[in-house]
Amino acid sequence: MNKIVFIDADKCIGCGLCTEICPNNLLYIHNGICKVSDEKMCDKSKGCEKICPTGAIKIN
């Protein structure tokens, strides 16, 4: 399976903006880092990528 959602843990500050904008509620913060619950359900709208203040999220 090709990875769809890439999260750079070194860049993520755990702000949670991505969790608020994801239309499918796939993102969550765990131990201060963004995680993806089921990337197969990602609609690739890239809202999370656009809103991330540190550029930690990339959608393929």
PDB file of N, CA and C in Angstrom:
ATOM      1  N   MET A   1       0.840  -1.182   0.000  1.00  0.00           N
ATOM      2  CA  MET A   1       0.000   0.000   0.000  1.00  0.00           C
ATOM      3  C   MET A   1       0.886   1.247   0.000  1.00  0.00           C
ATOM      4  N   ASN A   2       0.596   2.177  -0.861  1.00  0.00           N
ATOM      5  CA  ASN A   2       1.317   3.444  -0.883  1.00  0.00           C
ATOM      6  C   ASN A   2       0.814   4.339   0.232  1.00  0.00           C
ATOM      7  N   LYS A   3       1.747   4.976   0.893  1.00  0.00           N
ATOM      8  CA  LYS A   3       1.388   5.882   1.986  1.00  0.00           C
ATOM      9  C   LYS A   3       0.724   7.126   1.415  1.00  0.00           C
ATOM     10  N   ILE A   4      -0.366   7.541   2.010  1.00  0.00           N
ATOM     11  CA  ILE A   4      -1.120   8.708   1.556  1.00  0.00           C
ATOM     12  C   ILE A   4      -0.803   9.922   2.419  1.00  0.00           C
ATOM     13  N   VAL A   5      -0.799   9.726   3.728  1.00  0.00           N
ATOM     14  CA  VAL A   5      -0.597  10.831   4.668  1.00  0.00           C
ATOM     15  C   VAL A   5       0.776  10.691   5.326  1.00  0.00           C
ATOM     16  N   PHE A   6       1.589  11.716   5.152  1.00  0.00           N
ATOM     17  CA  PHE A   6       2.912  11.741   5.770  1.00  0.00           C
ATOM     18  C   PHE A   6       2.920  12.797   6.867  1.00  0.00           C
ATOM     19  N   ILE A   7       3.313  12.409   8.071  1.00  0.00           N
ATOM     20  CA  ILE A   7       3.395  13.349   9.184  1.00  0.00           C
ATOM     21  C   ILE A   7       4.827  13.335   9.709  1.00  0.00           C
ATOM     22  N   ASP A   8       5.464  14.484   9.663  1.00  0.00           N
ATOM     23  CA  ASP A   8       6.825  14.635  10.164  1.00  0.00           C
ATOM     24  C   ASP A   8       6.744  14.940  11.659  1.00  0.00           C
ATOM     25  N   ALA A   9       7.007  13.927  12.467  1.00  0.00           N
ATOM     26  CA  ALA A   9       6.895  14.067  13.919  1.00  0.00           C
ATOM     27  C   ALA A   9       7.847  15.117  14.477  1.00  0.00           C
ATOM     28  N   ASP A  10       8.946  15.349  13.797  1.00  0.00           N
ATOM     29  CA  ASP A  10       9.897  16.362  14.257  1.00  0.00           C
ATOM     30  C   ASP A  10       9.361  17.780  14.058  1.00  0.00           C
ATOM     31  N   LYS A  11       8.477  17.954  13.084  1.00  0.00           N
ATOM     32  CA  LYS A  11       7.901  19.275  12.809  1.00  0.00           C
ATOM     33  C   LYS A  11       6.583  19.512  13.540  1.00  0.00           C
ATOM     34  N   CYS A  12       5.852  18.439  13.830  1.00  0.00           N
ATOM     35  CA  CYS A  12       4.527  18.562  14.452  1.00  0.00           C
ATOM     36  C   CYS A  12       4.648  19.137  15.861  1.00  0.00           C
ATOM     37  N   ILE A  13       3.829  20.163  16.133  1.00  0.00           N
ATOM     38  CA  ILE A  13       3.819  20.784  17.466  1.00  0.00           C
ATOM     39  C   ILE A  13       2.562  20.405  18.265  1.00  0.00           C
ATOM     40  N   GLY A  14       1.728  19.537  17.692  1.00  0.00           N
ATOM     41  CA  GLY A  14       0.547  19.059  18.401  1.00  0.00           C
ATOM     42  C   GLY A  14      -0.522  20.102  18.630  1.00  0.00           C
ATOM     43  N   CYS A  15      -0.616  21.084  17.744  1.00  0.00           N
ATOM     44  CA  CYS A  15      -1.578  22.181  17.926  1.00  0.00           C
ATOM     45  C   CYS A  15      -3.032  21.740  17.741  1.00  0.00           C
ATOM     46  N   GLY A  16      -3.257  20.689  16.954  1.00  0.00           N
ATOM     47  CA  GLY A  16      -4.606  20.169  16.762  1.00  0.00           C
ATOM     48  C   GLY A  16      -5.423  20.814  15.661  1.00  0.00           C
ATOM     49  N   LEU A  17      -4.864  21.790  14.957  1.00  0.00           N
ATOM     50  CA  LEU A  17      -5.615  22.432  13.872  1.00  0.00           C
ATOM     51  C   LEU A  17      -6.032  21.415  12.814  1.00  0.00           C
ATOM     52  N   CYS A  18      -5.169  20.467  12.527  1.00  0.00           N
ATOM     53  CA  CYS A  18      -5.466  19.451  11.516  1.00  0.00           C
ATOM     54  C   CYS A  18      -6.655  18.583  11.928  1.00  0.00           C
ATOM     55  N   THR A  19      -6.754  18.289  13.219  1.00  0.00           N
ATOM     56  CA  THR A  19      -7.855  17.445  13.690  1.00  0.00           C
ATOM     57  C   THR A  19      -9.198  18.141  13.538  1.00  0.00           C
ATOM     58  N   GLU A  20      -9.179  19.468  13.633  1.00  0.00           N
ATOM     59  CA  GLU A  20     -10.414  20.240  13.517  1.00  0.00           C
ATOM     60  C   GLU A  20     -10.885  20.370  12.075  1.00  0.00           C
ATOM     61  N   ILE A  21      -9.957  20.350  11.124  1.00  0.00           N
ATOM     62  CA  ILE A  21     -10.333  20.596   9.729  1.00  0.00           C
ATOM     63  C   ILE A  21     -10.572  19.312   8.923  1.00  0.00           C
ATOM     64  N   CYS A  22     -10.091  18.184   9.406  1.00  0.00           N
ATOM     65  CA  CYS A  22     -10.243  16.924   8.660  1.00  0.00           C
ATOM     66  C   CYS A  22     -11.726  16.558   8.542  1.00  0.00           C
ATOM     67  N   PRO A  23     -12.266  16.496   7.304  1.00  0.00           N
ATOM     68  CA  PRO A  23     -13.692  16.215   7.131  1.00  0.00           C
ATOM     69  C   PRO A  23     -14.089  14.792   7.518  1.00  0.00           C
ATOM     70  N   ASN A  24     -13.124  13.890   7.576  1.00  0.00           N
ATOM     71  CA  ASN A  24     -13.423  12.497   7.911  1.00  0.00           C
ATOM     72  C   ASN A  24     -12.976  12.110   9.320  1.00  0.00           C
ATOM     73  N   ASN A  25     -12.537  13.104  10.106  1.00  0.00           N
ATOM     74  CA  ASN A  25     -12.104  12.869  11.492  1.00  0.00           C
ATOM     75  C   ASN A  25     -11.059  11.757  11.605  1.00  0.00           C
ATOM     76  N   LEU A  26     -10.077  11.785  10.718  1.00  0.00           N
ATOM     77  CA  LEU A  26      -9.052  10.745  10.694  1.00  0.00           C
ATOM     78  C   LEU A  26      -7.818  11.088  11.517  1.00  0.00           C
ATOM     79  N   LEU A  27      -7.673  12.350  11.871  1.00  0.00           N
ATOM     80  CA  LEU A  27      -6.475  12.785  12.578  1.00  0.00           C
ATOM     81  C   LEU A  27      -6.754  12.981  14.059  1.00  0.00           C
ATOM     82  N   TYR A  28      -5.772  12.656  14.873  1.00  0.00           N
ATOM     83  CA  TYR A  28      -5.880  12.856  16.314  1.00  0.00           C
ATOM     84  C   TYR A  28      -4.486  13.141  16.870  1.00  0.00           C
ATOM     85  N   ILE A  29      -4.436  13.720  18.041  1.00  0.00           N
ATOM     86  CA  ILE A  29      -3.165  14.028  18.686  1.00  0.00           C
ATOM     87  C   ILE A  29      -2.913  12.980  19.769  1.00  0.00           C
ATOM     88  N   HIS A  30      -1.749  12.350  19.697  1.00  0.00           N
ATOM     89  CA  HIS A  30      -1.344  11.345  20.687  1.00  0.00           C
ATOM     90  C   HIS A  30       0.068  11.683  21.158  1.00  0.00           C
ATOM     91  N   ASN A  31       0.217  11.876  22.452  1.00  0.00           N
ATOM     92  CA  ASN A  31       1.518  12.259  23.024  1.00  0.00           C
ATOM     93  C   ASN A  31       2.112  13.481  22.329  1.00  0.00           C
ATOM     94  N   GLY A  32       1.247  14.432  21.985  1.00  0.00           N
ATOM     95  CA  GLY A  32       1.699  15.687  21.402  1.00  0.00           C
ATOM     96  C   GLY A  32       2.048  15.650  19.926  1.00  0.00           C
ATOM     97  N   ILE A  33       1.721  14.540  19.257  1.00  0.00           N
ATOM     98  CA  ILE A  33       2.033  14.387  17.831  1.00  0.00           C
ATOM     99  C   ILE A  33       0.771  13.955  17.076  1.00  0.00           C
ATOM    100  N   CYS A  34       0.584  14.513  15.891  1.00  0.00           N
ATOM    101  CA  CYS A  34      -0.553  14.132  15.051  1.00  0.00           C
ATOM    102  C   CYS A  34      -0.390  12.700  14.556  1.00  0.00           C
ATOM    103  N   LYS A  35      -1.474  11.950  14.600  1.00  0.00           N
ATOM    104  CA  LYS A  35      -1.519  10.572  14.104  1.00  0.00           C
ATOM    105  C   LYS A  35      -2.726  10.426  13.184  1.00  0.00           C
ATOM    106  N   VAL A  36      -2.698   9.400  12.339  1.00  0.00           N
ATOM    107  CA  VAL A  36      -3.796   9.124  11.411  1.00  0.00           C
ATOM    108  C   VAL A  36      -4.446   7.808  11.803  1.00  0.00           C
ATOM    109  N   SER A  37      -5.774   7.808  11.952  1.00  0.00           N
ATOM    110  CA  SER A  37      -6.457   6.585  12.362  1.00  0.00           C
ATOM    111  C   SER A  37      -6.629   5.600  11.208  1.00  0.00           C
ATOM    112  N   ASP A  38      -6.966   6.086  10.015  1.00  0.00           N
ATOM    113  CA  ASP A  38      -7.177   5.194   8.862  1.00  0.00           C
ATOM    114  C   ASP A  38      -6.951   5.980   7.579  1.00  0.00           C
ATOM    115  N   GLU A  39      -5.708   6.008   7.117  1.00  0.00           N
ATOM    116  CA  GLU A  39      -5.389   6.858   5.975  1.00  0.00           C
ATOM    117  C   GLU A  39      -6.078   6.425   4.681  1.00  0.00           C
ATOM    118  N   LYS A  40      -6.581   5.190   4.620  1.00  0.00           N
ATOM    119  CA  LYS A  40      -7.323   4.745   3.428  1.00  0.00           C
ATOM    120  C   LYS A  40      -8.604   5.550   3.237  1.00  0.00           C
ATOM    121  N   MET A  41      -9.094   6.140   4.315  1.00  0.00           N
ATOM    122  CA  MET A  41     -10.325   6.923   4.257  1.00  0.00           C
ATOM    123  C   MET A  41     -10.070   8.392   3.908  1.00  0.00           C
ATOM    124  N   CYS A  42      -8.808   8.766   3.728  1.00  0.00           N
ATOM    125  CA  CYS A  42      -8.451  10.154   3.415  1.00  0.00           C
ATOM    126  C   CYS A  42      -9.022  10.547   2.052  1.00  0.00           C
ATOM    127  N   ASP A  43      -9.703  11.690   1.999  1.00  0.00           N
ATOM    128  CA  ASP A  43     -10.285  12.151   0.730  1.00  0.00           C
ATOM    129  C   ASP A  43      -9.338  13.074  -0.039  1.00  0.00           C
ATOM    130  N   LYS A  44      -8.147  13.263   0.498  1.00  0.00           N
ATOM    131  CA  LYS A  44      -7.093  14.060  -0.142  1.00  0.00           C
ATOM    132  C   LYS A  44      -7.501  15.512  -0.395  1.00  0.00           C
ATOM    133  N   SER A  45      -8.343  16.051   0.462  1.00  0.00           N
ATOM    134  CA  SER A  45      -8.753  17.453   0.314  1.00  0.00           C
ATOM    135  C   SER A  45      -7.619  18.405   0.683  1.00  0.00           C
ATOM    136  N   LYS A  46      -6.649  17.909   1.422  1.00  0.00           N
ATOM    137  CA  LYS A  46      -5.434  18.632   1.801  1.00  0.00           C
ATOM    138  C   LYS A  46      -5.664  19.809   2.744  1.00  0.00           C
ATOM    139  N   GLY A  47      -6.828  19.844   3.380  1.00  0.00           N
ATOM    140  CA  GLY A  47      -7.082  20.904   4.350  1.00  0.00           C
ATOM    141  C   GLY A  47      -6.074  20.865   5.488  1.00  0.00           C
ATOM    142  N   CYS A  48      -5.751  19.667   5.936  1.00  0.00           N
ATOM    143  CA  CYS A  48      -4.796  19.518   7.036  1.00  0.00           C
ATOM    144  C   CYS A  48      -3.406  19.990   6.620  1.00  0.00           C
ATOM    145  N   GLU A  49      -3.037  19.671   5.400  1.00  0.00           N
ATOM    146  CA  GLU A  49      -1.732  20.086   4.880  1.00  0.00           C
ATOM    147  C   GLU A  49      -1.644  21.611   4.795  1.00  0.00           C
ATOM    148  N   LYS A  50      -2.723  22.224   4.343  1.00  0.00           N
ATOM    149  CA  LYS A  50      -2.748  23.681   4.181  1.00  0.00           C
ATOM    150  C   LYS A  50      -2.767  24.425   5.511  1.00  0.00           C
ATOM    151  N   ILE A  51      -3.455  23.865   6.506  1.00  0.00           N
ATOM    152  CA  ILE A  51      -3.616  24.571   7.781  1.00  0.00           C
ATOM    153  C   ILE A  51      -2.444  24.353   8.744  1.00  0.00           C
ATOM    154  N   CYS A  52      -1.646  23.337   8.515  1.00  0.00           N
ATOM    155  CA  CYS A  52      -0.537  23.025   9.429  1.00  0.00           C
ATOM    156  C   CYS A  52       0.482  24.173   9.447  1.00  0.00           C
ATOM    157  N   PRO A  53       0.681  24.801  10.608  1.00  0.00           N
ATOM    158  CA  PRO A  53       1.572  25.961  10.678  1.00  0.00           C
ATOM    159  C   PRO A  53       3.057  25.632  10.515  1.00  0.00           C
ATOM    160  N   THR A  54       3.415  24.361  10.673  1.00  0.00           N
ATOM    161  CA  THR A  54       4.827  23.988  10.567  1.00  0.00           C
ATOM    162  C   THR A  54       5.147  23.174   9.320  1.00  0.00           C
ATOM    163  N   GLY A  55       4.120  22.870   8.521  1.00  0.00           N
ATOM    164  CA  GLY A  55       4.349  22.071   7.316  1.00  0.00           C
ATOM    165  C   GLY A  55       4.658  20.616   7.614  1.00  0.00           C
ATOM    166  N   ALA A  56       4.144  20.115   8.735  1.00  0.00           N
ATOM    167  CA  ALA A  56       4.431  18.743   9.157  1.00  0.00           C
ATOM    168  C   ALA A  56       3.637  17.694   8.388  1.00  0.00           C
ATOM    169  N   ILE A  57       2.560  18.092   7.719  1.00  0.00           N
ATOM    170  CA  ILE A  57       1.687  17.133   7.037  1.00  0.00           C
ATOM    171  C   ILE A  57       1.802  17.283   5.531  1.00  0.00           C
ATOM    172  N   LYS A  58       1.954  16.143   4.870  1.00  0.00           N
ATOM    173  CA  LYS A  58       1.971  16.105   3.406  1.00  0.00           C
ATOM    174  C   LYS A  58       1.014  15.010   2.958  1.00  0.00           C
ATOM    175  N   ILE A  59       0.182  15.332   1.973  1.00  0.00           N
ATOM    176  CA  ILE A  59      -0.759  14.370   1.407  1.00  0.00           C
ATOM    177  C   ILE A  59      -0.253  13.984   0.025  1.00  0.00           C
ATOM    178  N   ASN A  60      -0.121  12.693  -0.203  1.00  0.00           N
ATOM    179  CA  ASN A  60       0.380  12.181  -1.478  1.00  0.00           C
ATOM    180  C   ASN A  60      -0.770  11.941  -2.439  1.00  0.00           C
TER     181      ASN A  60
END
